[in-house]
N, C-alpha and C. Protein backbone atom coordinates (compact mmCIF):
# COMPACT_ATOMS: atom_id res chain seq x y z
N MET A 1 128.20 93.92 97.58
CA MET A 1 126.99 93.16 97.82
C MET A 1 125.84 94.12 98.10
N ALA A 2 124.69 93.81 97.53
CA ALA A 2 123.51 94.65 97.74
C ALA A 2 122.31 93.77 98.04
N VAL A 3 121.59 94.12 99.08
CA VAL A 3 120.30 93.49 99.38
C VAL A 3 119.24 94.38 98.74
N ILE A 4 118.34 93.75 97.98
CA ILE A 4 117.33 94.48 97.24
C ILE A 4 115.94 93.99 97.66
N LEU A 5 115.08 94.94 98.03
CA LEU A 5 113.70 94.65 98.38
C LEU A 5 112.82 95.06 97.21
N GLY A 6 112.13 94.09 96.64
CA GLY A 6 111.16 94.36 95.58
C GLY A 6 109.76 94.27 96.15
N VAL A 7 108.89 95.17 95.69
CA VAL A 7 107.51 95.19 96.18
C VAL A 7 106.54 95.21 95.01
N ASP A 8 105.54 94.36 95.10
CA ASP A 8 104.42 94.36 94.16
C ASP A 8 103.23 94.91 94.93
N PRO A 9 102.93 96.21 94.75
CA PRO A 9 101.89 96.83 95.58
C PRO A 9 100.50 96.38 95.16
N GLY A 10 99.66 96.27 96.15
CA GLY A 10 98.25 95.95 95.91
C GLY A 10 97.44 96.38 97.11
N SER A 11 96.22 96.78 96.88
CA SER A 11 95.40 97.22 98.01
C SER A 11 94.78 96.04 98.76
N LYS A 12 94.76 94.87 98.13
CA LYS A 12 94.23 93.68 98.81
C LYS A 12 95.35 92.70 99.17
N ILE A 13 96.32 92.58 98.29
CA ILE A 13 97.50 91.73 98.55
C ILE A 13 98.72 92.48 98.05
N THR A 14 99.70 92.63 98.91
CA THR A 14 100.98 93.21 98.53
C THR A 14 102.03 92.12 98.66
N GLY A 15 102.79 91.94 97.61
CA GLY A 15 103.86 90.95 97.64
C GLY A 15 105.20 91.63 97.83
N TYR A 16 106.11 90.93 98.48
CA TYR A 16 107.47 91.44 98.56
C TYR A 16 108.45 90.30 98.35
N GLY A 17 109.62 90.65 97.90
CA GLY A 17 110.68 89.68 97.69
C GLY A 17 112.02 90.32 97.95
N ILE A 18 112.90 89.58 98.56
CA ILE A 18 114.22 90.10 98.90
C ILE A 18 115.27 89.18 98.29
N ILE A 19 116.21 89.82 97.59
CA ILE A 19 117.32 89.09 96.99
C ILE A 19 118.63 89.75 97.39
N LYS A 20 119.71 89.00 97.19
CA LYS A 20 121.05 89.54 97.38
C LYS A 20 121.74 89.49 96.03
N TYR A 21 122.40 90.58 95.67
CA TYR A 21 123.12 90.66 94.41
C TYR A 21 124.59 90.93 94.71
N CYS A 22 125.44 89.99 94.30
CA CYS A 22 126.87 90.10 94.60
C CYS A 22 127.67 89.46 93.47
N HIS A 23 128.56 90.23 92.87
CA HIS A 23 129.42 89.73 91.79
C HIS A 23 128.62 89.05 90.68
N HIS A 24 127.56 89.70 90.24
CA HIS A 24 126.70 89.22 89.15
C HIS A 24 125.97 87.93 89.49
N LYS A 25 125.86 87.63 90.77
CA LYS A 25 125.12 86.45 91.21
C LYS A 25 123.93 86.92 92.05
N ILE A 26 122.75 86.38 91.72
CA ILE A 26 121.53 86.74 92.43
C ILE A 26 121.13 85.57 93.33
N THR A 27 120.91 85.88 94.60
CA THR A 27 120.53 84.85 95.57
C THR A 27 119.21 85.24 96.23
N TYR A 28 118.31 84.29 96.28
CA TYR A 28 117.01 84.47 96.93
C TYR A 28 117.21 84.50 98.44
N ILE A 29 116.57 85.47 99.10
CA ILE A 29 116.58 85.52 100.56
C ILE A 29 115.22 85.09 101.10
N THR A 30 114.17 85.81 100.71
CA THR A 30 112.83 85.47 101.17
C THR A 30 111.79 86.21 100.32
N SER A 31 110.56 85.78 100.44
CA SER A 31 109.44 86.47 99.82
C SER A 31 108.17 86.06 100.54
N GLN A 32 107.16 86.90 100.40
CA GLN A 32 105.88 86.61 101.06
C GLN A 32 104.82 87.53 100.48
N LYS A 33 103.59 87.18 100.73
CA LYS A 33 102.49 88.08 100.38
C LYS A 33 101.83 88.54 101.66
N ILE A 34 101.43 89.79 101.65
CA ILE A 34 100.76 90.38 102.80
C ILE A 34 99.29 90.52 102.42
N ILE A 35 98.43 89.78 103.10
CA ILE A 35 97.00 89.78 102.78
C ILE A 35 96.33 90.88 103.59
N LEU A 36 95.68 91.78 102.86
CA LEU A 36 95.12 92.99 103.48
C LEU A 36 93.61 93.11 103.36
N ASN A 37 92.96 92.25 102.59
CA ASN A 37 91.55 92.46 102.23
C ASN A 37 90.56 92.36 103.39
N LYS A 38 90.99 91.95 104.56
CA LYS A 38 90.05 91.89 105.68
C LYS A 38 89.95 93.24 106.41
N TYR A 39 90.76 94.22 106.00
CA TYR A 39 90.78 95.52 106.64
C TYR A 39 90.08 96.57 105.78
N ILE A 40 89.62 97.64 106.42
CA ILE A 40 89.11 98.77 105.64
C ILE A 40 90.31 99.43 104.95
N PHE A 41 90.04 100.21 103.92
CA PHE A 41 91.12 100.68 103.05
C PHE A 41 92.21 101.46 103.78
N ASN A 42 91.84 102.39 104.66
CA ASN A 42 92.86 103.17 105.37
C ASN A 42 93.74 102.28 106.24
N GLU A 43 93.17 101.25 106.83
CA GLU A 43 93.97 100.31 107.62
C GLU A 43 94.90 99.50 106.73
N ARG A 44 94.48 99.22 105.50
CA ARG A 44 95.34 98.52 104.55
C ARG A 44 96.59 99.34 104.28
N LEU A 45 96.40 100.64 104.04
CA LEU A 45 97.54 101.52 103.77
C LEU A 45 98.49 101.56 104.97
N LYS A 46 97.91 101.66 106.15
CA LYS A 46 98.72 101.67 107.38
C LYS A 46 99.50 100.36 107.51
N ASN A 47 98.86 99.24 107.19
CA ASN A 47 99.53 97.94 107.29
C ASN A 47 100.63 97.80 106.24
N ILE A 48 100.39 98.28 105.03
CA ILE A 48 101.45 98.24 104.01
C ILE A 48 102.67 99.00 104.50
N TYR A 49 102.42 100.19 105.04
CA TYR A 49 103.52 101.00 105.57
C TYR A 49 104.24 100.25 106.70
N SER A 50 103.48 99.75 107.66
CA SER A 50 104.06 99.08 108.84
C SER A 50 104.83 97.82 108.46
N TYR A 51 104.23 96.98 107.60
CA TYR A 51 104.91 95.76 107.17
C TYR A 51 106.20 96.10 106.43
N THR A 52 106.13 97.09 105.54
CA THR A 52 107.31 97.47 104.77
C THR A 52 108.41 97.97 105.70
N LYS A 53 108.04 98.79 106.68
CA LYS A 53 109.03 99.28 107.65
C LYS A 53 109.67 98.11 108.42
N SER A 54 108.86 97.14 108.83
CA SER A 54 109.41 96.01 109.59
C SER A 54 110.31 95.13 108.72
N ILE A 55 109.95 94.97 107.45
CA ILE A 55 110.79 94.20 106.52
C ILE A 55 112.12 94.91 106.32
N ILE A 56 112.06 96.22 106.17
CA ILE A 56 113.28 97.02 106.01
C ILE A 56 114.15 96.90 107.26
N PHE A 57 113.54 96.98 108.41
CA PHE A 57 114.28 96.87 109.67
C PHE A 57 114.96 95.50 109.79
N GLU A 58 114.24 94.45 109.41
CA GLU A 58 114.78 93.09 109.56
C GLU A 58 115.89 92.78 108.55
N PHE A 59 115.73 93.21 107.29
CA PHE A 59 116.65 92.79 106.24
C PHE A 59 117.62 93.88 105.77
N ASN A 60 117.39 95.11 106.18
CA ASN A 60 118.29 96.22 105.88
C ASN A 60 118.70 96.29 104.40
N PRO A 61 117.72 96.39 103.50
CA PRO A 61 118.07 96.44 102.07
C PRO A 61 118.73 97.77 101.71
N LYS A 62 119.56 97.72 100.68
CA LYS A 62 120.20 98.93 100.17
C LYS A 62 119.29 99.62 99.16
N TYR A 63 118.50 98.82 98.44
CA TYR A 63 117.63 99.35 97.40
C TYR A 63 116.19 98.87 97.61
N PHE A 64 115.26 99.75 97.28
CA PHE A 64 113.84 99.46 97.31
C PHE A 64 113.34 99.62 95.88
N VAL A 65 112.72 98.57 95.34
CA VAL A 65 112.28 98.59 93.94
C VAL A 65 110.79 98.25 93.89
N ILE A 66 110.07 99.03 93.09
CA ILE A 66 108.62 98.85 93.01
C ILE A 66 108.18 99.06 91.57
N GLU A 67 107.13 98.37 91.21
CA GLU A 67 106.57 98.55 89.86
C GLU A 67 105.85 99.89 89.79
N LYS A 68 106.17 100.66 88.76
CA LYS A 68 105.56 101.97 88.57
C LYS A 68 104.12 101.80 88.10
N VAL A 69 103.21 102.45 88.79
CA VAL A 69 101.80 102.40 88.44
C VAL A 69 101.49 103.62 87.58
N PHE A 70 101.04 103.38 86.36
CA PHE A 70 100.73 104.52 85.50
C PHE A 70 99.42 104.37 84.75
N PHE A 71 98.88 103.17 84.71
CA PHE A 71 97.64 102.96 83.97
C PHE A 71 96.90 101.77 84.55
N TYR A 72 95.61 101.88 84.58
CA TYR A 72 94.78 100.76 85.03
C TYR A 72 93.43 100.89 84.34
N LYS A 73 92.74 99.79 84.16
CA LYS A 73 91.46 99.81 83.45
C LYS A 73 90.39 100.64 84.16
N ASN A 74 90.43 100.64 85.47
CA ASN A 74 89.42 101.30 86.28
C ASN A 74 90.10 102.43 87.08
N ALA A 75 89.61 103.65 86.97
CA ALA A 75 90.22 104.80 87.64
C ALA A 75 90.27 104.63 89.16
N SER A 76 89.21 104.11 89.73
CA SER A 76 89.17 103.90 91.18
C SER A 76 90.24 102.90 91.61
N SER A 77 90.39 101.82 90.86
CA SER A 77 91.42 100.83 91.16
C SER A 77 92.81 101.42 91.02
N ALA A 78 93.01 102.25 90.00
CA ALA A 78 94.31 102.89 89.79
C ALA A 78 94.68 103.79 90.97
N LEU A 79 93.70 104.53 91.48
CA LEU A 79 93.96 105.40 92.62
C LEU A 79 94.33 104.59 93.86
N LYS A 80 93.61 103.51 94.11
CA LYS A 80 93.91 102.67 95.26
C LYS A 80 95.29 102.02 95.13
N LEU A 81 95.61 101.57 93.93
CA LEU A 81 96.91 100.95 93.69
C LEU A 81 98.03 101.97 93.89
N ASN A 82 97.83 103.19 93.43
CA ASN A 82 98.82 104.24 93.64
C ASN A 82 98.98 104.57 95.11
N GLN A 83 97.90 104.57 95.85
CA GLN A 83 98.00 104.84 97.28
C GLN A 83 98.74 103.72 98.00
N ALA A 84 98.49 102.48 97.61
CA ALA A 84 99.21 101.34 98.19
C ALA A 84 100.70 101.46 97.88
N SER A 85 101.00 101.80 96.65
CA SER A 85 102.38 101.99 96.24
C SER A 85 103.06 103.09 97.05
N CYS A 86 102.36 104.20 97.23
CA CYS A 86 102.90 105.33 97.98
C CYS A 86 103.15 104.97 99.45
N ALA A 87 102.30 104.15 100.04
CA ALA A 87 102.49 103.73 101.43
C ALA A 87 103.81 102.96 101.57
N ALA A 88 104.08 102.07 100.63
CA ALA A 88 105.32 101.29 100.67
C ALA A 88 106.53 102.19 100.39
N ILE A 89 106.40 103.06 99.40
CA ILE A 89 107.50 103.98 99.06
C ILE A 89 107.83 104.89 100.24
N LEU A 90 106.80 105.38 100.93
CA LEU A 90 107.02 106.25 102.08
C LEU A 90 107.80 105.52 103.18
N ALA A 91 107.52 104.25 103.38
CA ALA A 91 108.27 103.47 104.37
C ALA A 91 109.75 103.41 103.99
N ALA A 92 110.03 103.24 102.70
CA ALA A 92 111.43 103.20 102.24
C ALA A 92 112.09 104.57 102.39
N ILE A 93 111.39 105.61 101.99
CA ILE A 93 111.95 106.97 102.09
C ILE A 93 112.24 107.32 103.55
N ASN A 94 111.31 106.99 104.43
CA ASN A 94 111.51 107.28 105.86
C ASN A 94 112.63 106.44 106.47
N SER A 95 113.03 105.39 105.77
CA SER A 95 114.14 104.54 106.22
C SER A 95 115.44 104.89 105.50
N ASN A 96 115.40 105.96 104.73
CA ASN A 96 116.59 106.43 103.99
C ASN A 96 117.14 105.40 103.01
N ILE A 97 116.24 104.73 102.31
CA ILE A 97 116.63 103.74 101.31
C ILE A 97 116.35 104.31 99.93
N SER A 98 117.26 104.07 99.00
CA SER A 98 117.08 104.52 97.62
C SER A 98 115.89 103.80 96.99
N VAL A 99 115.00 104.57 96.37
CA VAL A 99 113.78 104.03 95.77
C VAL A 99 113.91 104.06 94.25
N PHE A 100 113.56 102.96 93.61
CA PHE A 100 113.59 102.85 92.15
C PHE A 100 112.26 102.29 91.68
N GLU A 101 111.75 102.86 90.60
CA GLU A 101 110.49 102.41 90.01
C GLU A 101 110.74 102.00 88.56
N TYR A 102 110.17 100.87 88.17
CA TYR A 102 110.26 100.39 86.80
C TYR A 102 108.86 100.04 86.30
N THR A 103 108.62 100.31 85.03
CA THR A 103 107.31 99.97 84.47
C THR A 103 107.17 98.46 84.37
N SER A 104 105.94 98.03 84.34
CA SER A 104 105.63 96.61 84.20
C SER A 104 106.25 96.04 82.92
N SER A 105 106.17 96.79 81.84
CA SER A 105 106.70 96.30 80.56
C SER A 105 108.22 96.17 80.61
N LYS A 106 108.90 97.08 81.30
CA LYS A 106 110.37 96.98 81.42
C LYS A 106 110.75 95.75 82.24
N ILE A 107 110.05 95.53 83.34
CA ILE A 107 110.32 94.36 84.18
C ILE A 107 110.09 93.08 83.37
N LYS A 108 108.95 93.00 82.70
CA LYS A 108 108.64 91.80 81.91
C LYS A 108 109.65 91.58 80.80
N LYS A 109 110.07 92.64 80.15
CA LYS A 109 111.04 92.54 79.05
C LYS A 109 112.38 92.01 79.56
N LEU A 110 112.84 92.53 80.69
CA LEU A 110 114.12 92.08 81.23
C LEU A 110 114.07 90.66 81.79
N ILE A 111 112.94 90.28 82.35
CA ILE A 111 112.83 88.95 82.95
C ILE A 111 112.55 87.88 81.90
N SER A 112 111.68 88.18 80.94
CA SER A 112 111.25 87.13 80.01
C SER A 112 111.61 87.40 78.55
N GLY A 113 112.06 88.62 78.25
CA GLY A 113 112.35 88.96 76.86
C GLY A 113 111.15 89.52 76.11
N ASN A 114 110.00 89.57 76.79
CA ASN A 114 108.78 90.06 76.16
C ASN A 114 108.07 91.00 77.15
N GLY A 115 107.89 92.25 76.77
CA GLY A 115 107.26 93.24 77.63
C GLY A 115 105.79 93.04 77.88
N ARG A 116 105.20 92.03 77.22
CA ARG A 116 103.77 91.76 77.40
C ARG A 116 103.52 90.35 77.96
N SER A 117 104.53 89.77 78.58
CA SER A 117 104.40 88.42 79.13
C SER A 117 103.32 88.34 80.20
N LYS A 118 102.72 87.20 80.30
CA LYS A 118 101.71 86.94 81.33
C LYS A 118 102.40 86.66 82.68
N LYS A 119 101.63 86.82 83.74
CA LYS A 119 102.17 86.66 85.09
C LYS A 119 102.77 85.26 85.33
N LEU A 120 102.16 84.23 84.80
CA LEU A 120 102.66 82.88 85.01
C LEU A 120 104.03 82.69 84.36
N LYS A 121 104.23 83.27 83.19
CA LYS A 121 105.54 83.18 82.53
C LYS A 121 106.60 83.91 83.36
N ILE A 122 106.24 85.07 83.90
CA ILE A 122 107.17 85.82 84.75
C ILE A 122 107.51 84.98 85.99
N LYS A 123 106.50 84.39 86.59
CA LYS A 123 106.73 83.54 87.76
C LYS A 123 107.70 82.41 87.43
N ASN A 124 107.48 81.74 86.31
CA ASN A 124 108.35 80.63 85.92
C ASN A 124 109.79 81.10 85.68
N ARG A 125 109.96 82.25 85.04
CA ARG A 125 111.30 82.79 84.77
C ARG A 125 111.98 83.19 86.08
N VAL A 126 111.24 83.83 86.97
CA VAL A 126 111.81 84.22 88.27
C VAL A 126 112.28 82.98 89.02
N CYS A 127 111.46 81.95 89.05
CA CYS A 127 111.84 80.71 89.74
C CYS A 127 113.09 80.09 89.12
N LYS A 128 113.18 80.14 87.81
CA LYS A 128 114.36 79.60 87.14
C LYS A 128 115.60 80.42 87.47
N ILE A 129 115.48 81.74 87.41
CA ILE A 129 116.61 82.63 87.71
C ILE A 129 117.11 82.40 89.14
N LEU A 130 116.17 82.23 90.07
CA LEU A 130 116.52 82.09 91.48
C LEU A 130 116.68 80.63 91.93
N ASN A 131 116.49 79.70 90.99
CA ASN A 131 116.60 78.27 91.28
C ASN A 131 115.64 77.86 92.42
N LEU A 132 114.37 78.25 92.24
CA LEU A 132 113.34 77.95 93.23
C LEU A 132 112.27 77.04 92.63
N SER A 133 111.57 76.34 93.48
CA SER A 133 110.41 75.58 93.05
C SER A 133 109.23 76.55 92.90
N CYS A 134 108.59 76.52 91.75
CA CYS A 134 107.45 77.43 91.50
C CYS A 134 106.27 77.16 92.42
N LYS A 135 106.15 75.95 92.93
CA LYS A 135 104.99 75.65 93.78
C LYS A 135 105.08 76.36 95.13
N ASN A 136 106.26 76.83 95.50
CA ASN A 136 106.44 77.51 96.78
C ASN A 136 106.32 79.03 96.69
N ILE A 137 106.16 79.56 95.48
CA ILE A 137 106.13 81.01 95.27
C ILE A 137 104.78 81.43 94.69
N GLN A 138 104.17 82.44 95.28
CA GLN A 138 102.90 82.98 94.80
C GLN A 138 103.17 84.07 93.75
N ILE A 139 102.17 84.36 92.93
CA ILE A 139 102.30 85.36 91.86
C ILE A 139 102.73 86.72 92.41
N ASP A 140 102.13 87.16 93.52
CA ASP A 140 102.48 88.47 94.10
C ASP A 140 103.94 88.50 94.53
N GLU A 141 104.44 87.38 95.02
CA GLU A 141 105.84 87.29 95.41
C GLU A 141 106.75 87.31 94.18
N SER A 142 106.37 86.55 93.15
CA SER A 142 107.22 86.50 91.95
C SER A 142 107.26 87.84 91.24
N ASP A 143 106.16 88.59 91.26
CA ASP A 143 106.17 89.93 90.67
C ASP A 143 107.11 90.86 91.44
N ALA A 144 107.11 90.76 92.76
CA ALA A 144 108.02 91.57 93.58
C ALA A 144 109.47 91.16 93.34
N LEU A 145 109.71 89.86 93.26
CA LEU A 145 111.07 89.37 92.99
C LEU A 145 111.53 89.80 91.60
N ALA A 146 110.62 89.80 90.63
CA ALA A 146 110.96 90.25 89.28
C ALA A 146 111.41 91.70 89.28
N ALA A 147 110.73 92.54 90.06
CA ALA A 147 111.13 93.95 90.17
C ALA A 147 112.53 94.06 90.77
N ALA A 148 112.79 93.27 91.82
CA ALA A 148 114.11 93.30 92.46
C ALA A 148 115.19 92.82 91.49
N ILE A 149 114.92 91.75 90.76
CA ILE A 149 115.88 91.22 89.80
C ILE A 149 116.16 92.25 88.71
N THR A 150 115.12 92.95 88.27
CA THR A 150 115.29 93.98 87.25
C THR A 150 116.32 95.01 87.68
N HIS A 151 116.30 95.38 88.93
CA HIS A 151 117.24 96.40 89.40
C HIS A 151 118.69 95.93 89.30
N CYS A 152 118.92 94.64 89.34
CA CYS A 152 120.29 94.11 89.20
C CYS A 152 120.92 94.52 87.87
N PHE A 153 120.11 94.77 86.85
CA PHE A 153 120.63 95.18 85.55
C PHE A 153 121.13 96.63 85.57
N TYR A 154 120.81 97.37 86.62
CA TYR A 154 121.11 98.80 86.67
C TYR A 154 122.10 99.19 87.76
N ILE A 155 122.59 98.21 88.51
CA ILE A 155 123.58 98.55 89.55
C ILE A 155 124.92 97.90 89.25
């Protein structure tokens, strides 16, 4: 059995999702979005780190999975997104958890069969895989859950 923490990093909203993978069965544990936009940027990074550490402490995941950031339309946004990602990754590393990164296209391909799927399609597929109502899951949460589900294909 493996508990997997998936993270969708963002400088304004970071989503996370936790699943359990056991004998080829995926079970939803929890997910949430962390709203950060009311803080100055450095405080956002600190909060991402702190929230991630507390989530790790509470759920004790074996694996930490995050979407790999490699390209963005705006250089400034890409830098902020990378910093948000690094804050979450650092929390996992400091907790001695194995870190895995997957590209957005790989996650989309494994979840929906199309590496260029839109976020709503990914959300719908994640809800179907986890047998959840889509009205209870936000996009940031479904993206994080999609990353966690993707890792199930590799363990």
